[in-house]
């Protein structure tokens, strides 16, 4: 069933998830192994799961829980979880080492550097993934080459360069920048560490996705500490669908009945939504400039590993306008009553913006279709902080990207 509301720039495709199919790569055993690896980082600690009780009351739901990834390893975003794990797995495979028997510190040793030699990791990024790769490369005393799409924010470029990586901003969109990075990796014999997949390139993207499970396992444990058995709803933002697929893949293994999961994207880069609307089970591409403030979601080609999970288990696919994300940023930055403030960037705040929109009386029919009501416990992932501080201030202080401007 498809619902279109032009007034609010909202498009909804409802789906019937398959509750029985599970993906072995995202089971509890693999999740525990990934979490064990991350827990050995010297600065590891779970990021907060913030309960916005006053906001939940205002929006007439039981609970709103926000996983705040702005506090991940001092890098202001979750992406390093996947990039660092994939690089570690890659090195262990090259040197025939069991990753479960070592930690990241050992990979930084002179012994490993001598065996591995000087290597270069290359990737394309809208910002956060590339920063994670650059961080891991720097920690290991290795090199990183990062390609970024046109229009990339200068602050995101500088943050990556500060970690010692060589950054090139292309005149291309994200997906074409990936192709350029791939050509460079093949020409120079560099290690491509990309968070999307294609035929013949699936192992590393799968490792990256598995790395994201730490975020989900932490959230599940934190809910249990709050005496919450499980969420009724999970809202996941999607670019290529790697993060959303990883979290949903884990939850489909964790719970007998998967929470009602809503996938949300910016309208101009809604490749997952477009694939869902087609209804043929195939991936469908969005071409063009992919213009949106949600840089981390500005992707036109789905990750097939993520899409296969989302296609099976998601209950709804939504595309929406940029103003919804901007509203989410302002809501999280200006908490009501005793709620905690969350600094959330453009790609992190779209989910809370969506909940706020759906609380309007004019969208009661959509809310009913999604079964969001006073008993709903809604889990969200704010995947980044103010990774572009200049734009963050314009949105939160000056009202940029409001519905009326």
Protein backbone atom coordinates (compact mmCIF):
# COMPACT_ATOMS: atom_id res chain seq x y z
CA UNK A 1 0.00 0.00 0.00
CA UNK A 2 1.31 3.43 -0.96
CA UNK A 3 0.46 6.70 0.79
CA UNK A 4 1.47 10.08 -0.64
CA UNK A 5 1.00 13.37 1.18
CA UNK A 6 2.25 16.22 -0.99
CA UNK A 7 1.55 18.89 1.61
CA UNK A 8 4.07 17.37 4.02
CA UNK A 9 6.43 15.97 1.36
CA UNK A 10 5.85 12.48 2.72
CA UNK A 11 5.75 9.21 0.77
CA UNK A 12 5.01 5.93 2.53
CA UNK A 13 5.18 2.39 1.16
CA UNK A 14 3.79 -0.24 3.53
CA UNK A 15 5.17 -3.76 3.39
CA UNK A 16 4.45 -7.22 4.82
CA UNK A 17 7.68 -8.39 6.48
CA UNK A 18 8.75 -12.01 6.51
CA UNK A 19 9.22 -12.91 10.16
CA UNK A 20 10.83 -16.30 9.58
CA UNK A 21 13.92 -15.56 7.48
CA UNK A 22 17.12 -14.92 9.45
CA UNK A 23 20.56 -13.91 8.26
CA UNK A 24 23.36 -15.95 9.83
CA UNK A 25 25.88 -13.15 9.42
CA UNK A 26 24.00 -10.98 11.91
CA UNK A 27 23.25 -13.51 14.62
CA UNK A 28 24.09 -13.17 18.30
CA UNK A 29 27.32 -15.15 18.01
CA UNK A 30 28.74 -12.78 15.41
CA UNK A 31 27.40 -9.78 17.28
CA UNK A 32 29.18 -10.92 20.44
CA UNK A 33 32.45 -11.37 18.54
CA UNK A 34 32.23 -7.86 17.10
CA UNK A 35 31.33 -6.35 20.45
CA UNK A 36 34.26 -8.19 22.06
CA UNK A 37 36.62 -6.66 19.49
CA UNK A 38 35.33 -3.13 20.03
CA UNK A 39 35.34 -3.49 23.81
CA UNK A 40 39.12 -3.91 23.74
CA UNK A 41 39.63 -0.38 22.39
CA UNK A 42 41.20 1.75 25.10
CA UNK A 43 38.49 4.42 24.80
CA UNK A 44 35.53 2.11 24.33
CA UNK A 45 32.33 2.62 26.25
CA UNK A 46 28.71 2.23 25.12
CA UNK A 47 27.18 5.41 23.76
CA UNK A 48 24.15 6.71 25.68
CA UNK A 49 20.61 5.53 25.06
CA UNK A 50 18.62 8.63 25.90
CA UNK A 51 15.01 8.29 27.05
CA UNK A 52 13.06 11.37 25.96
CA UNK A 53 10.08 10.87 28.27
CA UNK A 54 8.69 14.40 28.08
CA UNK A 55 8.84 14.33 24.29
CA UNK A 56 7.18 10.90 24.25
CA UNK A 57 4.34 12.27 26.35
CA UNK A 58 3.94 15.25 24.03
CA UNK A 59 3.85 12.98 20.97
CA UNK A 60 1.43 10.58 22.69
CA UNK A 61 3.65 7.47 22.67
CA UNK A 62 4.98 5.41 25.57
CA UNK A 63 8.73 5.79 25.01
CA UNK A 64 11.16 7.50 22.65
CA UNK A 65 14.69 6.13 22.96
CA UNK A 66 17.58 7.76 21.09
CA UNK A 67 20.97 6.08 20.72
CA UNK A 68 23.41 9.02 20.71
CA UNK A 69 26.32 8.16 18.42
CA UNK A 70 27.84 11.63 18.62
CA UNK A 71 29.83 10.22 21.54
CA UNK A 72 31.45 7.31 19.67
CA UNK A 73 35.25 7.25 20.14
CA UNK A 74 35.43 11.04 19.93
CA UNK A 75 34.66 10.86 16.20
CA UNK A 76 31.12 12.27 16.38
CA UNK A 77 29.53 9.39 14.43
CA UNK A 78 28.95 5.63 14.46
CA UNK A 79 30.72 4.75 11.21
CA UNK A 80 34.09 3.90 12.78
CA UNK A 81 32.48 0.78 14.26
CA UNK A 82 32.27 -0.71 10.78
CA UNK A 83 35.41 0.72 9.23
CA UNK A 84 37.76 -0.25 12.06
CA UNK A 85 36.32 -3.76 12.31
CA UNK A 86 36.58 -4.32 8.56
CA UNK A 87 40.18 -3.12 8.42
CA UNK A 88 41.05 -5.38 11.35
CA UNK A 89 39.38 -8.35 9.65
CA UNK A 90 41.20 -7.51 6.42
CA UNK A 91 44.60 -7.46 8.13
CA UNK A 92 43.86 -10.65 10.02
CA UNK A 93 42.89 -12.38 6.80
CA UNK A 94 46.07 -11.18 5.06
CA UNK A 95 48.29 -12.39 7.92
CA UNK A 96 46.19 -15.47 8.82
CA UNK A 97 45.44 -14.25 12.36
CA UNK A 98 42.32 -15.07 14.39
CA UNK A 99 40.67 -11.72 15.11
CA UNK A 100 39.01 -13.20 18.20
CA UNK A 101 42.43 -13.81 19.72
CA UNK A 102 43.79 -10.26 19.37
CA UNK A 103 42.81 -6.65 19.90
CA UNK A 104 43.25 -3.47 17.89
CA UNK A 105 46.29 -2.59 19.96
CA UNK A 106 48.12 -5.68 18.72
CA UNK A 107 47.41 -4.63 15.12
CA UNK A 108 49.24 -1.38 15.91
CA UNK A 109 52.39 -3.22 16.99
CA UNK A 110 55.75 -3.08 15.21
CA UNK A 111 55.45 -6.83 14.61
CA UNK A 112 52.30 -6.39 12.53
CA UNK A 113 53.66 -3.33 10.74
CA UNK A 114 56.76 -5.32 9.74
CA UNK A 115 54.71 -8.24 8.45
CA UNK A 116 52.15 -6.11 6.64
CA UNK A 117 54.44 -3.42 5.28
CA UNK A 118 53.17 -0.03 4.14
CA UNK A 119 49.64 -0.24 2.79
CA UNK A 120 46.96 2.21 1.72
CA UNK A 121 43.26 1.99 2.47
CA UNK A 122 40.97 3.78 0.04
CA UNK A 123 37.27 4.57 0.14
CA UNK A 124 34.60 7.00 -1.02
CA UNK A 125 32.50 8.77 1.57
CA UNK A 126 30.05 11.54 2.32
CA UNK A 127 32.06 12.15 5.49
CA UNK A 128 31.58 9.85 8.47
CA UNK A 129 32.71 6.55 6.92
CA UNK A 130 35.83 8.18 5.49
CA UNK A 131 36.66 9.71 8.83
CA UNK A 132 36.44 6.27 10.43
CA UNK A 133 38.76 4.76 7.80
CA UNK A 134 41.21 7.65 8.15
CA UNK A 135 41.22 7.23 11.93
CA UNK A 136 41.88 3.50 11.72
CA UNK A 137 44.65 3.99 9.16
CA UNK A 138 46.32 6.62 11.34
CA UNK A 139 46.11 4.39 14.41
CA UNK A 140 47.80 1.60 12.45
CA UNK A 141 50.50 3.86 11.02
CA UNK A 142 49.18 3.32 7.50
CA UNK A 143 47.87 5.50 4.70
CA UNK A 144 44.35 6.48 3.72
CA UNK A 145 43.04 7.96 0.48
CA UNK A 146 39.50 9.32 0.59
CA UNK A 147 37.25 10.40 -2.28
CA UNK A 148 34.26 12.62 -1.51
CA UNK A 149 31.33 13.69 -3.72
CA UNK A 150 30.79 17.21 -4.99
CA UNK A 151 29.30 19.59 -2.49
CA UNK A 152 30.99 17.93 0.48
CA UNK A 153 31.11 20.26 3.47
CA UNK A 154 34.53 21.81 4.06
CA UNK A 155 34.34 20.95 7.76
CA UNK A 156 33.94 17.26 6.94
CA UNK A 157 36.85 17.41 4.50
CA UNK A 158 39.11 19.08 7.06
CA UNK A 159 38.15 16.59 9.78
CA UNK A 160 39.36 13.74 7.58
CA UNK A 161 42.52 15.57 6.47
CA UNK A 162 43.33 16.27 10.12
CA UNK A 163 43.69 12.50 10.54
CA UNK A 164 46.40 12.42 7.90
CA UNK A 165 44.38 11.12 4.95
CA UNK A 166 44.66 12.40 1.41
CA UNK A 167 41.24 13.75 0.43
CA UNK A 168 39.95 14.46 -3.06
CA UNK A 169 36.56 16.09 -3.56
CA UNK A 170 35.25 14.99 -6.94
CA UNK A 171 32.80 16.66 -9.28
CA UNK A 172 30.61 13.55 -9.04
CA UNK A 173 27.83 12.21 -6.87
CA UNK A 174 28.50 9.62 -4.16
CA UNK A 175 27.97 6.51 -6.29
CA UNK A 176 30.24 7.71 -9.08
CA UNK A 177 32.86 8.69 -6.49
CA UNK A 178 32.80 5.06 -5.32
CA UNK A 179 33.58 3.96 -8.87
CA UNK A 180 36.53 6.37 -9.05
CA UNK A 181 37.89 5.03 -5.75
CA UNK A 182 37.54 1.48 -7.03
CA UNK A 183 39.51 2.32 -10.19
CA UNK A 184 42.26 3.89 -8.09
CA UNK A 185 42.41 0.89 -5.77
CA UNK A 186 42.79 -1.52 -8.67
CA UNK A 187 45.38 0.65 -10.41
CA UNK A 188 47.53 1.12 -7.31
CA UNK A 189 47.02 -2.16 -5.48
CA UNK A 190 45.34 -0.43 -2.53
CA UNK A 191 42.79 -1.95 -0.15
CA UNK A 192 39.27 -0.79 -0.98
CA UNK A 193 37.22 -0.54 2.23
CA UNK A 194 33.76 0.48 1.04
CA UNK A 195 30.46 0.36 2.91
CA UNK A 196 28.46 -0.72 -0.10
CA UNK A 197 28.67 -3.93 -2.10
CA UNK A 198 28.48 -5.18 -5.67
CA UNK A 199 29.02 -8.45 -7.48
CA UNK A 200 32.43 -9.82 -6.51
CA UNK A 201 32.83 -7.34 -3.64
CA UNK A 202 30.79 -8.46 -0.66
CA UNK A 203 33.12 -9.68 2.08
CA UNK A 204 34.47 -6.31 3.23
CA UNK A 205 31.07 -4.54 3.09
CA UNK A 206 29.63 -7.41 5.14
CA UNK A 207 32.39 -6.95 7.74
CA UNK A 208 31.55 -3.24 7.88
CA UNK A 209 27.89 -4.02 8.42
CA UNK A 210 28.75 -6.53 11.11
CA UNK A 211 30.76 -3.81 12.85
CA UNK A 212 27.60 -1.74 13.17
CA UNK A 213 25.98 -4.48 15.27
CA UNK A 214 27.81 -3.19 18.36
CA UNK A 215 25.53 -0.17 18.28
CA UNK A 216 22.47 -2.44 18.20
CA UNK A 217 23.66 -4.84 20.92
CA UNK A 218 24.40 -1.91 23.22
CA UNK A 219 20.91 -0.53 22.64
CA UNK A 220 19.27 -3.88 23.41
CA UNK A 221 21.25 -4.22 26.66
CA UNK A 222 20.46 -0.65 27.66
CA UNK A 223 16.75 -1.22 27.07
CA UNK A 224 16.91 -4.31 29.25
CA UNK A 225 18.57 -2.21 31.98
CA UNK A 226 15.58 0.12 31.68
CA UNK A 227 13.32 -2.93 32.07
CA UNK A 228 12.09 -2.57 28.50
CA UNK A 229 11.67 -6.00 26.93
CA UNK A 230 11.81 -4.77 23.35
CA UNK A 231 10.79 -1.81 21.20
CA UNK A 232 7.51 -1.91 19.33
CA UNK A 233 8.98 0.29 16.58
CA UNK A 234 12.44 0.97 15.21
CA UNK A 235 13.07 3.82 12.77
CA UNK A 236 16.25 3.50 10.72
CA UNK A 237 17.59 6.00 8.23
CA UNK A 238 19.13 4.65 5.04
CA UNK A 239 21.70 5.76 2.53
CA UNK A 240 22.84 2.59 0.79
CA UNK A 241 21.12 0.65 3.57
CA UNK A 242 24.19 -0.83 5.27
CA UNK A 243 23.49 0.49 8.78
CA UNK A 244 19.76 -0.14 8.54
CA UNK A 245 20.35 -3.65 7.20
CA UNK A 246 22.85 -4.48 9.94
CA UNK A 247 20.61 -3.29 12.77
CA UNK A 248 17.50 -4.93 11.34
CA UNK A 249 19.45 -8.10 10.55
CA UNK A 250 20.53 -8.30 14.19
CA UNK A 251 17.04 -7.56 15.55
CA UNK A 252 15.49 -10.20 13.28
CA UNK A 253 17.76 -12.73 14.97
CA UNK A 254 17.32 -11.31 18.47
CA UNK A 255 13.53 -11.27 18.63
CA UNK A 256 11.01 -13.92 17.60
CA UNK A 257 8.77 -11.13 16.36
CA UNK A 258 10.71 -8.32 14.72
CA UNK A 259 9.70 -4.82 15.90
CA UNK A 260 7.80 -2.83 13.30
CA UNK A 261 10.70 -1.26 11.43
CA UNK A 262 10.39 1.90 9.35
CA UNK A 263 13.12 2.83 6.84
CA UNK A 264 13.36 6.55 6.09
CA UNK A 265 15.34 8.43 3.41
CA UNK A 266 15.58 11.89 1.85
CA UNK A 267 13.26 12.26 -1.14
CA UNK A 268 16.02 13.13 -3.61
CA UNK A 269 18.08 10.04 -2.75
CA UNK A 270 15.44 7.46 -1.86
CA UNK A 271 16.83 4.38 -3.60
CA UNK A 272 15.59 1.97 -0.92
CA UNK A 273 12.09 3.48 -1.04
CA UNK A 274 12.11 3.32 -4.83
CA UNK A 275 13.14 -0.35 -4.70
CA UNK A 276 10.34 -1.11 -2.24
CA UNK A 277 7.72 0.68 -4.36
CA UNK A 278 8.74 -1.33 -7.42
CA UNK A 279 7.66 -4.46 -5.57
CA UNK A 280 9.75 -6.83 -7.67
CA UNK A 281 12.38 -7.57 -5.02
CA UNK A 282 15.07 -5.93 -7.15
CA UNK A 283 17.22 -2.92 -6.37
CA UNK A 284 16.38 0.30 -8.18
CA UNK A 285 18.72 3.24 -8.64
CA UNK A 286 18.17 6.97 -8.18
CA UNK A 287 20.26 9.06 -10.60
CA UNK A 288 21.29 12.69 -10.55
CA UNK A 289 22.88 15.01 -8.02
CA UNK A 290 21.11 13.45 -4.98
CA UNK A 291 20.72 16.91 -3.48
CA UNK A 292 19.84 16.81 0.21
CA UNK A 293 21.14 18.26 3.48
CA UNK A 294 21.42 14.66 4.71
CA UNK A 295 24.87 14.10 3.21
CA UNK A 296 25.34 10.72 4.84
CA UNK A 297 22.15 9.49 3.17
CA UNK A 298 22.81 10.98 -0.28
CA UNK A 299 23.24 7.63 -2.03
CA UNK A 300 21.49 6.49 -5.18
CA UNK A 301 22.41 2.80 -5.34
CA UNK A 302 21.38 0.33 -2.61
CA UNK A 303 23.84 -2.01 -0.93
CA UNK A 304 22.56 -5.46 -2.01
CA UNK A 305 23.52 -6.98 1.36
CA UNK A 306 21.47 -4.40 3.19
CA UNK A 307 18.61 -4.39 0.69
CA UNK A 308 18.08 -8.14 1.00
CA UNK A 309 17.48 -7.74 4.75
CA UNK A 310 15.34 -4.60 4.47
CA UNK A 311 13.22 -6.15 1.73
CA UNK A 312 12.47 -9.13 3.96
CA UNK A 313 11.96 -7.51 7.34
CA UNK A 314 11.00 -3.82 7.09
CA UNK A 315 7.36 -2.88 7.66
CA UNK A 316 7.42 0.48 5.88
CA UNK A 317 9.62 2.58 3.62
CA UNK A 318 9.37 6.37 3.74
CA UNK A 319 10.89 9.22 1.78
CA UNK A 320 10.58 12.76 3.08
CA UNK A 321 11.77 16.33 2.63
CA UNK A 322 14.86 17.90 4.15
CA UNK A 323 12.82 20.11 6.47
CA UNK A 324 11.81 17.02 8.46
CA UNK A 325 15.43 16.29 9.32
CA UNK A 326 16.07 19.96 10.12
CA UNK A 327 13.08 19.96 12.49
CA UNK A 328 14.49 16.85 14.15
CA UNK A 329 17.81 18.61 14.72
CA UNK A 330 16.03 21.53 16.39
CA UNK A 331 13.83 19.27 18.54
CA UNK A 332 16.79 17.28 19.87
CA UNK A 333 18.82 20.45 20.47
CA UNK A 334 16.00 22.05 22.47
CA UNK A 335 14.63 19.43 24.88
CA UNK A 336 11.47 19.98 26.89
CA UNK A 337 11.12 19.62 30.67
CA UNK A 338 13.81 17.26 32.01
CA UNK A 339 14.70 15.55 28.72
CA UNK A 340 18.40 15.38 27.84
CA UNK A 341 19.81 17.36 24.94
CA UNK A 342 21.09 15.39 21.97
CA UNK A 343 23.31 17.05 19.37
CA UNK A 344 22.26 15.39 16.13
CA UNK A 345 23.36 16.20 12.59
CA UNK A 346 21.41 16.20 9.38
CA UNK A 347 21.60 12.44 8.81
CA UNK A 348 21.06 11.62 12.47
CA UNK A 349 17.88 13.57 13.20
CA UNK A 350 15.57 12.47 10.38
CA UNK A 351 13.86 9.82 12.54
CA UNK A 352 12.87 12.16 15.37
CA UNK A 353 11.72 14.66 12.76
CA UNK A 354 9.52 11.96 11.27
CA UNK A 355 7.94 11.09 14.64
CA UNK A 356 7.21 14.77 15.19
CA UNK A 357 5.55 15.00 11.78
CA UNK A 358 3.45 11.91 12.36
CA UNK A 359 2.17 13.37 15.64
CA UNK A 360 0.12 15.90 13.66
CA UNK A 361 -3.62 15.29 13.56
CA UNK A 362 -3.58 15.66 9.79
CA UNK A 363 -1.44 12.49 9.55
CA UNK A 364 -3.45 10.36 11.95
CA UNK A 365 -4.23 7.93 9.13
CA UNK A 366 -0.53 7.32 8.45
CA UNK A 367 0.18 6.94 12.16
CA UNK A 368 -2.64 4.38 12.39
CA UNK A 369 -1.27 2.40 9.42
CA UNK A 370 2.12 2.30 11.13
CA UNK A 371 0.44 1.26 14.41
CA UNK A 372 2.04 4.11 16.33
CA UNK A 373 -0.06 4.83 19.42
CA UNK A 374 0.12 5.53 23.14
CA UNK A 375 1.67 2.10 23.79
CA UNK A 376 4.50 2.48 21.28
CA UNK A 377 8.12 2.17 22.39
CA UNK A 378 10.19 3.71 19.60
CA UNK A 379 13.93 3.14 19.19
CA UNK A 380 15.97 5.60 17.09
CA UNK A 381 19.64 5.93 16.20
CA UNK A 382 21.11 9.42 16.03
CA UNK A 383 24.02 8.30 13.89
CA UNK A 384 26.02 11.53 13.95
CA UNK A 385 26.52 14.73 15.87
CA UNK A 386 27.31 18.15 14.40
CA UNK A 387 29.78 16.84 11.81
CA UNK A 388 29.26 20.08 9.88
CA UNK A 389 29.18 22.61 12.76
CA UNK A 390 28.58 25.60 10.50
CA UNK A 391 25.46 24.14 8.91
CA UNK A 392 24.32 22.76 12.26
CA UNK A 393 24.25 26.29 13.68
CA UNK A 394 22.37 27.62 10.65
CA UNK A 395 19.74 24.93 11.03
CA UNK A 396 19.35 25.06 14.81
CA UNK A 397 19.88 28.78 15.44
CA UNK A 398 18.70 30.41 12.22
CA UNK A 399 15.91 28.04 11.20
CA UNK A 400 17.47 27.06 7.89
CA UNK A 401 15.48 24.40 6.01
CA UNK A 402 12.25 25.07 7.82
CA UNK A 403 9.04 24.28 5.91
CA UNK A 404 8.53 27.92 5.04
CA UNK A 405 12.01 28.95 3.87
